[in-house]
Amino acid sequence: MKRDGSSWSQSVLCRIQTETQKMTSLMNLVGVPVASIELTRTTVSVGLFMLFLCLLCWYSVAPYSQLKRAGIKHPKPFPFVGNMFFFQKGFFEGLQELVEKYGQVCGYYFGRRATVVIAEPEMLKQILVKDFSNFVNRMKVSLISQPLSDSLLFLQDGDWKNVRSILTPTFSSAKMKESNTRFEVFEEQSLSILLTAWLLNPTGTALDPV
């Protein structure tokens, strides 16, 4: 026969009360004063609710000490959302205001994620050139789908390295100069065609097809 939730909870409370009374009697025999505690359903519910509130408060502010421990200046974050309201006017406008207010090396919290902003040229050179092997991966974005997720902006680790090794020769100095020469030839040909068309028809009216 199945018992409903109410009878089961009452049974558990009775067991807890019985064990508590036994422990109290034992401690009184030993000589340790013990206050009598009456455990009721309301007491347990309130205790669990307070525990939930404490865990929720801890979760909402737990990651917001990372930047401070690293000595990085940042605006005061709000629980759960961090500094998302700082970018209400726009992402780039917010970054510019952030650098102007907190310096060329500062940070912010996007939700619960800590982000460091670097606008100091020498430090950027150090990161992007000399120590680039330590800064391979980008921020993970779960809402991105293919084919954008397979681009250099979102690939990780070995996948990113393989794609970059394929694309790097395409943008070498020799290739860029060759492409520049082709663009210049194409530009001259296009201008020549447009100039010839204007000389044949300076009024700009449509020409009859031959």
Protein backbone atom coordinates (compact mmCIF):
# COMPACT_ATOMS: atom_id res chain seq x y z
CA MET A 1 0.00 0.00 0.00
CA LYS A 2 1.43 3.35 -1.04
CA ARG A 3 1.66 6.22 1.45
CA ASP A 4 1.06 9.79 0.34
CA GLY A 5 3.59 12.59 0.82
CA SER A 6 1.90 13.98 3.94
CA SER A 7 1.94 10.71 5.89
CA TRP A 8 5.51 10.02 4.87
CA SER A 9 6.73 13.46 6.03
CA GLN A 10 4.90 13.05 9.34
CA SER A 11 6.56 9.68 9.82
CA VAL A 12 9.98 11.18 9.16
CA LEU A 13 9.33 14.02 11.64
CA CYS A 14 8.23 11.55 14.31
CA ARG A 15 11.42 9.57 13.84
CA ILE A 16 13.52 12.72 14.09
CA GLN A 17 11.72 13.80 17.26
CA THR A 18 12.19 10.34 18.80
CA GLU A 19 15.91 10.30 18.02
CA THR A 20 16.25 13.86 19.33
CA GLN A 21 14.56 12.93 22.59
CA LYS A 22 16.83 9.92 22.97
CA MET A 23 19.91 12.07 22.38
CA THR A 24 18.65 14.71 24.82
CA SER A 25 18.06 12.10 27.54
CA LEU A 26 21.50 10.65 26.99
CA MET A 27 23.18 14.05 27.20
CA ASN A 28 21.22 14.91 30.37
CA LEU A 29 22.47 11.72 31.98
CA VAL A 30 26.01 12.71 31.11
CA GLY A 31 25.41 16.13 32.62
CA VAL A 32 25.43 18.31 29.50
CA PRO A 33 22.54 20.82 29.45
CA VAL A 34 20.54 20.56 26.26
CA ALA A 35 17.71 22.87 25.16
CA SER A 36 14.65 21.01 24.00
CA ILE A 37 13.97 21.55 20.34
CA GLU A 38 10.64 20.74 18.77
CA LEU A 39 11.05 19.89 15.13
CA THR A 40 7.97 20.65 13.10
CA ARG A 41 7.25 20.79 9.40
CA THR A 42 7.37 24.60 9.50
CA THR A 43 10.77 24.59 11.21
CA VAL A 44 12.24 22.32 8.56
CA SER A 45 10.69 24.32 5.71
CA VAL A 46 12.02 27.61 7.07
CA GLY A 47 15.46 26.11 7.59
CA LEU A 48 15.58 24.76 4.03
CA PHE A 49 14.35 28.07 2.64
CA MET A 50 17.02 30.02 4.51
CA LEU A 51 19.66 27.57 3.28
CA PHE A 52 18.41 28.07 -0.29
CA LEU A 53 18.62 31.86 0.08
CA CYS A 54 22.18 31.63 1.42
CA LEU A 55 23.26 29.41 -1.48
CA LEU A 56 21.54 31.71 -3.98
CA CYS A 57 23.30 34.79 -2.56
CA TRP A 58 26.64 33.00 -2.65
CA TYR A 59 26.09 31.86 -6.25
CA SER A 60 25.13 35.39 -7.38
CA VAL A 61 28.36 37.02 -6.14
CA ALA A 62 30.88 34.15 -5.91
CA PRO A 63 32.85 34.89 -9.14
CA TYR A 64 33.01 38.66 -8.64
CA SER A 65 36.30 38.64 -6.75
CA GLN A 66 38.50 37.29 -9.56
CA LEU A 67 39.44 40.64 -11.10
CA LYS A 68 39.99 42.25 -7.70
CA ARG A 69 42.37 39.45 -6.65
CA ALA A 70 44.30 39.98 -9.90
CA GLY A 71 44.58 43.72 -9.22
CA ILE A 72 42.50 44.69 -12.28
CA LYS A 73 40.23 47.72 -11.99
CA HIS A 74 36.60 47.24 -12.99
CA PRO A 75 33.12 48.70 -12.37
CA LYS A 76 31.11 47.27 -9.50
CA PRO A 77 29.16 44.24 -10.75
CA PHE A 78 25.52 43.48 -10.00
CA PRO A 79 24.45 40.00 -8.84
CA PHE A 80 23.92 37.52 -11.69
CA VAL A 81 24.23 40.09 -14.54
CA GLY A 82 27.66 41.54 -13.68
CA ASN A 83 28.36 44.70 -15.74
CA MET A 84 25.95 44.03 -18.61
CA PHE A 85 24.17 47.35 -17.95
CA PHE A 86 27.47 49.12 -18.64
CA PHE A 87 26.99 48.36 -22.36
CA GLN A 88 23.47 49.74 -22.77
CA LYS A 89 24.69 52.39 -25.26
CA GLY A 90 26.57 49.80 -27.32
CA PHE A 91 29.45 47.38 -26.94
CA PHE A 92 32.21 49.54 -28.47
CA GLU A 93 30.96 52.69 -26.73
CA GLY A 94 30.99 50.80 -23.43
CA LEU A 95 34.54 49.54 -24.01
CA GLN A 96 35.75 53.05 -24.82
CA GLU A 97 34.15 54.43 -21.67
CA LEU A 98 35.61 51.55 -19.68
CA VAL A 99 39.16 52.28 -20.88
CA GLU A 100 38.80 56.02 -20.29
CA LYS A 101 37.52 55.49 -16.75
CA TYR A 102 39.57 52.53 -15.50
CA GLY A 103 42.73 52.64 -17.63
CA GLN A 104 44.24 50.75 -20.54
CA VAL A 105 44.21 47.48 -18.58
CA CYS A 106 40.84 46.95 -16.94
CA GLY A 107 38.05 44.42 -16.83
CA TYR A 108 34.35 43.75 -16.53
CA TYR A 109 31.94 40.89 -15.79
CA PHE A 110 29.67 39.70 -18.58
CA GLY A 111 27.16 37.86 -16.46
CA ARG A 112 29.30 35.71 -14.18
CA ARG A 113 32.25 35.58 -16.61
CA ALA A 114 35.29 37.76 -15.93
CA THR A 115 36.73 39.55 -18.99
CA VAL A 116 39.98 41.51 -19.22
CA VAL A 117 40.26 44.51 -21.58
CA ILE A 118 43.74 45.44 -22.83
CA ALA A 119 44.35 48.66 -24.78
CA GLU A 120 48.05 49.11 -24.05
CA PRO A 121 50.04 48.71 -27.33
CA GLU A 122 53.13 47.05 -25.88
CA MET A 123 51.09 44.55 -23.89
CA LEU A 124 48.99 43.75 -26.96
CA LYS A 125 52.18 43.10 -28.93
CA GLN A 126 53.39 40.81 -26.17
CA ILE A 127 50.14 38.84 -26.21
CA LEU A 128 49.51 38.69 -29.96
CA VAL A 129 53.10 38.02 -31.06
CA LYS A 130 55.56 36.84 -28.42
CA ASP A 131 53.20 34.93 -26.11
CA PHE A 132 50.55 34.11 -28.68
CA SER A 133 50.81 30.36 -28.00
CA ASN A 134 49.34 31.00 -24.53
CA PHE A 135 46.30 32.86 -25.88
CA VAL A 136 45.00 30.59 -28.63
CA ASN A 137 41.36 30.04 -27.72
CA ARG A 138 38.59 32.60 -27.92
CA MET A 139 35.51 33.00 -25.76
CA LYS A 140 33.05 30.14 -26.20
CA VAL A 141 29.64 31.19 -27.53
CA SER A 142 26.99 28.48 -27.30
CA LEU A 143 24.46 30.23 -29.58
CA ILE A 144 26.72 30.15 -32.67
CA SER A 145 25.82 27.55 -35.30
CA GLN A 146 27.57 26.25 -38.40
CA PRO A 147 29.19 27.36 -40.62
CA LEU A 148 30.17 30.31 -38.40
CA SER A 149 31.20 27.98 -35.59
CA ASP A 150 33.88 26.53 -37.90
CA SER A 151 35.56 29.90 -38.45
CA LEU A 152 38.76 31.14 -36.81
CA LEU A 153 36.73 33.32 -34.46
CA PHE A 154 35.17 30.35 -32.66
CA LEU A 155 37.38 27.30 -33.27
CA GLN A 156 39.35 25.91 -30.32
CA ASP A 157 42.76 24.28 -29.78
CA GLY A 158 43.87 21.90 -32.56
CA ASP A 159 41.00 22.75 -34.93
CA TRP A 160 41.92 26.43 -34.79
CA LYS A 161 45.60 25.65 -35.40
CA ASN A 162 44.84 23.47 -38.44
CA VAL A 163 42.62 26.09 -40.10
CA ARG A 164 45.10 28.86 -39.35
CA SER A 165 47.96 26.85 -40.90
CA ILE A 166 45.89 26.58 -44.08
CA LEU A 167 44.90 30.26 -44.22
CA THR A 168 48.26 31.77 -43.25
CA PRO A 169 50.02 31.15 -46.62
CA THR A 170 47.07 32.78 -48.39
CA PHE A 171 47.73 36.08 -46.62
CA SER A 172 51.51 36.12 -46.90
CA SER A 173 53.30 39.27 -48.10
CA ALA A 174 53.87 37.86 -51.60
CA LYS A 175 50.23 36.81 -51.97
CA MET A 176 48.96 40.18 -50.76
CA LYS A 177 51.22 42.05 -53.21
CA GLU A 178 50.03 39.81 -56.04
CA SER A 179 46.40 40.42 -55.10
CA ASN A 180 47.06 44.14 -54.91
CA THR A 181 48.50 44.10 -58.44
CA ARG A 182 45.45 42.26 -59.74
CA PHE A 183 43.12 44.74 -58.07
CA GLU A 184 45.00 47.63 -59.67
CA VAL A 185 44.71 46.02 -63.13
CA PHE A 186 41.01 45.37 -62.58
CA GLU A 187 40.52 48.96 -61.43
CA GLU A 188 42.24 50.37 -64.54
CA GLN A 189 40.18 48.15 -66.85
CA SER A 190 36.94 49.12 -65.12
CA LEU A 191 37.75 52.83 -65.34
CA SER A 192 38.67 52.42 -69.03
CA ILE A 193 35.36 50.73 -69.80
CA LEU A 194 33.37 53.38 -67.93
CA LEU A 195 35.27 56.22 -69.67
CA THR A 196 34.70 54.67 -73.10
CA ALA A 197 30.99 54.26 -72.37
CA TRP A 198 30.73 57.90 -71.27
CA LEU A 199 32.54 59.15 -74.41
CA LEU A 200 30.16 57.17 -76.63
CA ASN A 201 27.11 58.36 -74.73
CA PRO A 202 27.83 61.54 -72.71
CA THR A 203 24.12 62.23 -72.11
CA GLY A 204 23.73 59.08 -70.06
CA THR A 205 20.74 57.78 -71.97
CA ALA A 206 20.34 54.07 -72.62
CA LEU A 207 21.98 52.76 -75.77
CA ASP A 208 20.21 50.48 -78.20
CA PRO A 209 21.72 46.98 -78.18
CA VAL A 210 23.67 46.13 -81.29
